[in-house]
Amino acid sequence: MDAAFSAEQGEIRRTLREVISKRCGPDEVRAAVRTPEGHDTALWAALAEQLGLPGLALPEACGGVGCT
């Protein structure tokens, strides 16, 4: 079993880390959980659109990326 990240996984990891570090400081997180939604909807939309985050864990047969 190879536990190392592929180049694609490494890029996703770097990009996600960059976005999260810019948008998820303690004050931002506290503010987000106080909203009716309980999260930052703009951040979630950006993660979904830019990274396809919701589809990363889905198999390709189900329309996902298959990064599981």
PDB file of N, CA and C in Angstrom:
ATOM      1  N   MET A   1       0.847  -1.183   0.000  1.00  0.00           N
ATOM      2  CA  MET A   1       0.000   0.000   0.000  1.00  0.00           C
ATOM      3  C   MET A   1       0.887   1.238   0.000  1.00  0.00           C
ATOM      4  N   ASP A   2       0.624   2.142  -0.918  1.00  0.00           N
ATOM      5  CA  ASP A   2       1.380   3.386  -1.016  1.00  0.00           C
ATOM      6  C   ASP A   2       0.576   4.499  -0.356  1.00  0.00           C
ATOM      7  N   ALA A   3       1.078   5.011   0.764  1.00  0.00           N
ATOM      8  CA  ALA A   3       0.357   6.045   1.515  1.00  0.00           C
ATOM      9  C   ALA A   3       0.762   7.458   1.095  1.00  0.00           C
ATOM     10  N   ALA A   4       1.677   7.578   0.153  1.00  0.00           N
ATOM     11  CA  ALA A   4       2.123   8.906  -0.291  1.00  0.00           C
ATOM     12  C   ALA A   4       1.039   9.556  -1.154  1.00  0.00           C
ATOM     13  N   PHE A   5       0.994  10.887  -1.115  1.00  0.00           N
ATOM     14  CA  PHE A   5       0.046  11.621  -1.948  1.00  0.00           C
ATOM     15  C   PHE A   5       0.496  11.591  -3.399  1.00  0.00           C
ATOM     16  N   SER A   6      -0.461  11.457  -4.315  1.00  0.00           N
ATOM     17  CA  SER A   6      -0.152  11.608  -5.732  1.00  0.00           C
ATOM     18  C   SER A   6       0.047  13.102  -5.990  1.00  0.00           C
ATOM     19  N   ALA A   7       0.537  13.445  -7.161  1.00  0.00           N
ATOM     20  CA  ALA A   7       0.723  14.861  -7.498  1.00  0.00           C
ATOM     21  C   ALA A   7      -0.611  15.601  -7.446  1.00  0.00           C
ATOM     22  N   GLU A   8      -1.666  14.975  -7.960  1.00  0.00           N
ATOM     23  CA  GLU A   8      -2.994  15.601  -7.953  1.00  0.00           C
ATOM     24  C   GLU A   8      -3.499  15.783  -6.518  1.00  0.00           C
ATOM     25  N   GLN A   9      -3.336  14.774  -5.688  1.00  0.00           N
ATOM     26  CA  GLN A   9      -3.762  14.876  -4.290  1.00  0.00           C
ATOM     27  C   GLN A   9      -2.963  15.944  -3.553  1.00  0.00           C
ATOM     28  N   GLY A  10      -1.683  16.028  -3.841  1.00  0.00           N
ATOM     29  CA  GLY A  10      -0.841  17.047  -3.219  1.00  0.00           C
ATOM     30  C   GLY A  10      -1.283  18.449  -3.596  1.00  0.00           C
ATOM     31  N   GLU A  11      -1.665  18.636  -4.850  1.00  0.00           N
ATOM     32  CA  GLU A  11      -2.145  19.945  -5.305  1.00  0.00           C
ATOM     33  C   GLU A  11      -3.474  20.294  -4.643  1.00  0.00           C
ATOM     34  N   ILE A  12      -4.370  19.338  -4.551  1.00  0.00           N
ATOM     35  CA  ILE A  12      -5.646  19.566  -3.860  1.00  0.00           C
ATOM     36  C   ILE A  12      -5.381  19.933  -2.411  1.00  0.00           C
ATOM     37  N   ARG A  13      -4.489  19.225  -1.785  1.00  0.00           N
ATOM     38  CA  ARG A  13      -4.139  19.478  -0.379  1.00  0.00           C
ATOM     39  C   ARG A  13      -3.577  20.890  -0.198  1.00  0.00           C
ATOM     40  N   ARG A  14      -2.650  21.283  -1.061  1.00  0.00           N
ATOM     41  CA  ARG A  14      -2.054  22.621  -0.973  1.00  0.00           C
ATOM     42  C   ARG A  14      -3.103  23.714  -1.187  1.00  0.00           C
ATOM     43  N   THR A  15      -3.935  23.527  -2.187  1.00  0.00           N
ATOM     44  CA  THR A  15      -4.961  24.525  -2.485  1.00  0.00           C
ATOM     45  C   THR A  15      -5.962  24.633  -1.344  1.00  0.00           C
ATOM     46  N   LEU A  16      -6.408  23.511  -0.836  1.00  0.00           N
ATOM     47  CA  LEU A  16      -7.362  23.512   0.273  1.00  0.00           C
ATOM     48  C   LEU A  16      -6.760  24.161   1.509  1.00  0.00           C
ATOM     49  N   ARG A  17      -5.522  23.836   1.789  1.00  0.00           N
ATOM     50  CA  ARG A  17      -4.843  24.427   2.944  1.00  0.00           C
ATOM     51  C   ARG A  17      -4.737  25.947   2.804  1.00  0.00           C
ATOM     52  N   GLU A  18      -4.442  26.404   1.606  1.00  0.00           N
ATOM     53  CA  GLU A  18      -4.323  27.846   1.349  1.00  0.00           C
ATOM     54  C   GLU A  18      -5.664  28.554   1.554  1.00  0.00           C
ATOM     55  N   VAL A  19      -6.721  27.995   0.992  1.00  0.00           N
ATOM     56  CA  VAL A  19      -8.049  28.599   1.125  1.00  0.00           C
ATOM     57  C   VAL A  19      -8.489  28.602   2.587  1.00  0.00           C
ATOM     58  N   ILE A  20      -8.320  27.490   3.260  1.00  0.00           N
ATOM     59  CA  ILE A  20      -8.736  27.379   4.665  1.00  0.00           C
ATOM     60  C   ILE A  20      -7.947  28.353   5.539  1.00  0.00           C
ATOM     61  N   SER A  21      -6.652  28.465   5.314  1.00  0.00           N
ATOM     62  CA  SER A  21      -5.842  29.353   6.155  1.00  0.00           C
ATOM     63  C   SER A  21      -6.255  30.813   5.993  1.00  0.00           C
ATOM     64  N   LYS A  22      -6.728  31.175   4.802  1.00  0.00           N
ATOM     65  CA  LYS A  22      -7.158  32.553   4.559  1.00  0.00           C
ATOM     66  C   LYS A  22      -8.557  32.837   5.093  1.00  0.00           C
ATOM     67  N   ARG A  23      -9.403  31.820   5.130  1.00  0.00           N
ATOM     68  CA  ARG A  23     -10.821  32.053   5.418  1.00  0.00           C
ATOM     69  C   ARG A  23     -11.334  31.440   6.712  1.00  0.00           C
ATOM     70  N   CYS A  24     -10.490  30.731   7.457  1.00  0.00           N
ATOM     71  CA  CYS A  24     -10.996  29.996   8.625  1.00  0.00           C
ATOM     72  C   CYS A  24     -10.227  30.286   9.900  1.00  0.00           C
ATOM     73  N   GLY A  25      -9.948  31.552  10.148  1.00  0.00           N
ATOM     74  CA  GLY A  25      -9.352  31.925  11.421  1.00  0.00           C
ATOM     75  C   GLY A  25     -10.395  31.795  12.530  1.00  0.00           C
ATOM     76  N   PRO A  26      -9.974  31.885  13.775  1.00  0.00           N
ATOM     77  CA  PRO A  26     -10.909  31.715  14.897  1.00  0.00           C
ATOM     78  C   PRO A  26     -12.125  32.640  14.831  1.00  0.00           C
ATOM     79  N   ASP A  27     -11.916  33.898  14.481  1.00  0.00           N
ATOM     80  CA  ASP A  27     -13.041  34.838  14.418  1.00  0.00           C
ATOM     81  C   ASP A  27     -14.020  34.470  13.302  1.00  0.00           C
ATOM     82  N   GLU A  28     -13.487  34.057  12.161  1.00  0.00           N
ATOM     83  CA  GLU A  28     -14.342  33.668  11.038  1.00  0.00           C
ATOM     84  C   GLU A  28     -15.153  32.418  11.369  1.00  0.00           C
ATOM     85  N   VAL A  29     -14.524  31.469  12.031  1.00  0.00           N
ATOM     86  CA  VAL A  29     -15.230  30.235  12.397  1.00  0.00           C
ATOM     87  C   VAL A  29     -16.342  30.534  13.400  1.00  0.00           C
ATOM     88  N   ARG A  30     -16.036  31.339  14.409  1.00  0.00           N
ATOM     89  CA  ARG A  30     -17.067  31.703  15.390  1.00  0.00           C
ATOM     90  C   ARG A  30     -18.245  32.402  14.717  1.00  0.00           C
ATOM     91  N   ALA A  31     -17.950  33.321  13.815  1.00  0.00           N
ATOM     92  CA  ALA A  31     -19.021  34.032  13.110  1.00  0.00           C
ATOM     93  C   ALA A  31     -19.841  33.073  12.247  1.00  0.00           C
ATOM     94  N   ALA A  32     -19.176  32.149  11.595  1.00  0.00           N
ATOM     95  CA  ALA A  32     -19.872  31.212  10.709  1.00  0.00           C
ATOM     96  C   ALA A  32     -20.820  30.300  11.477  1.00  0.00           C
ATOM     97  N   VAL A  33     -20.390  29.799  12.623  1.00  0.00           N
ATOM     98  CA  VAL A  33     -21.258  28.881  13.368  1.00  0.00           C
ATOM     99  C   VAL A  33     -22.442  29.596  14.004  1.00  0.00           C
ATOM    100  N   ARG A  34     -22.370  30.905  14.091  1.00  0.00           N
ATOM    101  CA  ARG A  34     -23.490  31.683  14.644  1.00  0.00           C
ATOM    102  C   ARG A  34     -24.553  32.002  13.594  1.00  0.00           C
ATOM    103  N   THR A  35     -24.288  31.711  12.339  1.00  0.00           N
ATOM    104  CA  THR A  35     -25.277  31.969  11.292  1.00  0.00           C
ATOM    105  C   THR A  35     -26.372  30.905  11.355  1.00  0.00           C
ATOM    106  N   PRO A  36     -27.526  31.180  10.768  1.00  0.00           N
ATOM    107  CA  PRO A  36     -28.590  30.166  10.755  1.00  0.00           C
ATOM    108  C   PRO A  36     -28.151  28.849  10.104  1.00  0.00           C
ATOM    109  N   GLU A  37     -27.267  28.945   9.115  1.00  0.00           N
ATOM    110  CA  GLU A  37     -26.790  27.737   8.429  1.00  0.00           C
ATOM    111  C   GLU A  37     -25.779  26.969   9.270  1.00  0.00           C
ATOM    112  N   GLY A  38     -25.089  27.670  10.152  1.00  0.00           N
ATOM    113  CA  GLY A  38     -24.076  27.033  10.996  1.00  0.00           C
ATOM    114  C   GLY A  38     -22.728  26.869  10.328  1.00  0.00           C
ATOM    115  N   HIS A  39     -22.579  27.452   9.152  1.00  0.00           N
ATOM    116  CA  HIS A  39     -21.304  27.397   8.430  1.00  0.00           C
ATOM    117  C   HIS A  39     -21.234  28.573   7.460  1.00  0.00           C
ATOM    118  N   ASP A  40     -20.076  28.766   6.877  1.00  0.00           N
ATOM    119  CA  ASP A  40     -19.858  29.844   5.912  1.00  0.00           C
ATOM    120  C   ASP A  40     -20.307  29.356   4.534  1.00  0.00           C
ATOM    121  N   THR A  41     -21.482  29.778   4.114  1.00  0.00           N
ATOM    122  CA  THR A  41     -22.018  29.304   2.840  1.00  0.00           C
ATOM    123  C   THR A  41     -21.176  29.760   1.652  1.00  0.00           C
ATOM    124  N   ALA A  42     -20.602  30.942   1.728  1.00  0.00           N
ATOM    125  CA  ALA A  42     -19.754  31.429   0.634  1.00  0.00           C
ATOM    126  C   ALA A  42     -18.484  30.591   0.529  1.00  0.00           C
ATOM    127  N   LEU A  43     -17.908  30.224   1.668  1.00  0.00           N
ATOM    128  CA  LEU A  43     -16.711  29.375   1.657  1.00  0.00           C
ATOM    129  C   LEU A  43     -17.048  28.005   1.089  1.00  0.00           C
ATOM    130  N   TRP A  44     -18.148  27.430   1.538  1.00  0.00           N
ATOM    131  CA  TRP A  44     -18.533  26.105   1.041  1.00  0.00           C
ATOM    132  C   TRP A  44     -18.767  26.152  -0.470  1.00  0.00           C
ATOM    133  N   ALA A  45     -19.419  27.200  -0.954  1.00  0.00           N
ATOM    134  CA  ALA A  45     -19.648  27.337  -2.393  1.00  0.00           C
ATOM    135  C   ALA A  45     -18.325  27.434  -3.144  1.00  0.00           C
ATOM    136  N   ALA A  46     -17.385  28.196  -2.603  1.00  0.00           N
ATOM    137  CA  ALA A  46     -16.070  28.328  -3.244  1.00  0.00           C
ATOM    138  C   ALA A  46     -15.342  26.987  -3.265  1.00  0.00           C
ATOM    139  N   LEU A  47     -15.398  26.244  -2.170  1.00  0.00           N
ATOM    140  CA  LEU A  47     -14.738  24.940  -2.116  1.00  0.00           C
ATOM    141  C   LEU A  47     -15.381  23.965  -3.098  1.00  0.00           C
ATOM    142  N   ALA A  48     -16.678  24.057  -3.234  1.00  0.00           N
ATOM    143  CA  ALA A  48     -17.378  23.172  -4.164  1.00  0.00           C
ATOM    144  C   ALA A  48     -17.067  23.537  -5.610  1.00  0.00           C
ATOM    145  N   GLU A  49     -17.062  24.827  -5.917  1.00  0.00           N
ATOM    146  CA  GLU A  49     -16.852  25.266  -7.294  1.00  0.00           C
ATOM    147  C   GLU A  49     -15.391  25.172  -7.720  1.00  0.00           C
ATOM    148  N   GLN A  50     -14.476  25.636  -6.864  1.00  0.00           N
ATOM    149  CA  GLN A  50     -13.064  25.691  -7.243  1.00  0.00           C
ATOM    150  C   GLN A  50     -12.366  24.341  -7.137  1.00  0.00           C
ATOM    151  N   LEU A  51     -12.695  23.582  -6.107  1.00  0.00           N
ATOM    152  CA  LEU A  51     -11.997  22.319  -5.879  1.00  0.00           C
ATOM    153  C   LEU A  51     -12.845  21.089  -6.158  1.00  0.00           C
ATOM    154  N   GLY A  52     -14.129  21.276  -6.313  1.00  0.00           N
ATOM    155  CA  GLY A  52     -14.998  20.115  -6.464  1.00  0.00           C
ATOM    156  C   GLY A  52     -14.998  19.259  -5.209  1.00  0.00           C
ATOM    157  N   LEU A  53     -14.819  19.897  -4.065  1.00  0.00           N
ATOM    158  CA  LEU A  53     -14.641  19.190  -2.800  1.00  0.00           C
ATOM    159  C   LEU A  53     -15.712  18.141  -2.514  1.00  0.00           C
ATOM    160  N   PRO A  54     -17.000  18.420  -2.727  1.00  0.00           N
ATOM    161  CA  PRO A  54     -17.993  17.390  -2.404  1.00  0.00           C
ATOM    162  C   PRO A  54     -17.818  16.099  -3.204  1.00  0.00           C
ATOM    163  N   GLY A  55     -17.268  16.204  -4.404  1.00  0.00           N
ATOM    164  CA  GLY A  55     -17.122  15.027  -5.250  1.00  0.00           C
ATOM    165  C   GLY A  55     -15.835  14.252  -5.061  1.00  0.00           C
ATOM    166  N   LEU A  56     -14.933  14.734  -4.223  1.00  0.00           N
ATOM    167  CA  LEU A  56     -13.650  14.054  -4.059  1.00  0.00           C
ATOM    168  C   LEU A  56     -13.799  12.650  -3.484  1.00  0.00           C
ATOM    169  N   ALA A  57     -14.737  12.468  -2.583  1.00  0.00           N
ATOM    170  CA  ALA A  57     -14.888  11.172  -1.922  1.00  0.00           C
ATOM    171  C   ALA A  57     -15.830  10.230  -2.663  1.00  0.00           C
ATOM    172  N   LEU A  58     -16.475  10.721  -3.711  1.00  0.00           N
ATOM    173  CA  LEU A  58     -17.405   9.879  -4.457  1.00  0.00           C
ATOM    174  C   LEU A  58     -16.675   9.124  -5.558  1.00  0.00           C
ATOM    175  N   PRO A  59     -17.060   7.875  -5.784  1.00  0.00           N
ATOM    176  CA  PRO A  59     -16.460   7.126  -6.891  1.00  0.00           C
ATOM    177  C   PRO A  59     -16.819   7.768  -8.235  1.00  0.00           C
ATOM    178  N   GLU A  60     -15.975   7.556  -9.210  1.00  0.00           N
ATOM    179  CA  GLU A  60     -16.225   8.110 -10.540  1.00  0.00           C
ATOM    180  C   GLU A  60     -17.550   7.607 -11.107  1.00  0.00           C
ATOM    181  N   ALA A  61     -17.922   6.375 -10.795  1.00  0.00           N
ATOM    182  CA  ALA A  61     -19.174   5.798 -11.286  1.00  0.00           C
ATOM    183  C   ALA A  61     -20.392   6.574 -10.799  1.00  0.00           C
ATOM    184  N   CYS A  62     -20.226   7.314  -9.713  1.00  0.00           N
ATOM    185  CA  CYS A  62     -21.331   8.107  -9.145  1.00  0.00           C
ATOM    186  C   CYS A  62     -21.184   9.582  -9.462  1.00  0.00           C
ATOM    187  N   GLY A  63     -20.278   9.929 -10.378  1.00  0.00           N
ATOM    188  CA  GLY A  63     -20.092  11.320 -10.765  1.00  0.00           C
ATOM    189  C   GLY A  63     -19.038  12.056  -9.967  1.00  0.00           C
ATOM    190  N   GLY A  64     -18.331  11.339  -9.110  1.00  0.00           N
ATOM    191  CA  GLY A  64     -17.292  11.960  -8.301  1.00  0.00           C
ATOM    192  C   GLY A  64     -15.925  11.836  -8.933  1.00  0.00           C
ATOM    193  N   VAL A  65     -14.931  12.173  -8.150  1.00  0.00           N
ATOM    194  CA  VAL A  65     -13.547  12.154  -8.614  1.00  0.00           C
ATOM    195  C   VAL A  65     -12.871  10.832  -8.274  1.00  0.00           C
ATOM    196  N   GLY A  66     -13.328  10.198  -7.206  1.00  0.00           N
ATOM    197  CA  GLY A  66     -12.769   8.909  -6.821  1.00  0.00           C
ATOM    198  C   GLY A  66     -11.455   9.000  -6.085  1.00  0.00           C
ATOM    199  N   CYS A  67     -11.290  10.011  -5.245  1.00  0.00           N
ATOM    200  CA  CYS A  67     -10.041  10.180  -4.496  1.00  0.00           C
ATOM    201  C   CYS A  67     -10.024   9.408  -3.180  1.00  0.00           C
ATOM    202  N   THR A  68     -10.912   8.467  -3.005  1.00  0.00           N
ATOM    203  CA  THR A  68     -10.958   7.723  -1.744  1.00  0.00           C
ATOM    204  C   THR A  68      -9.853   6.719  -1.659  1.00  0.00           C
TER     205      THR A  68
END
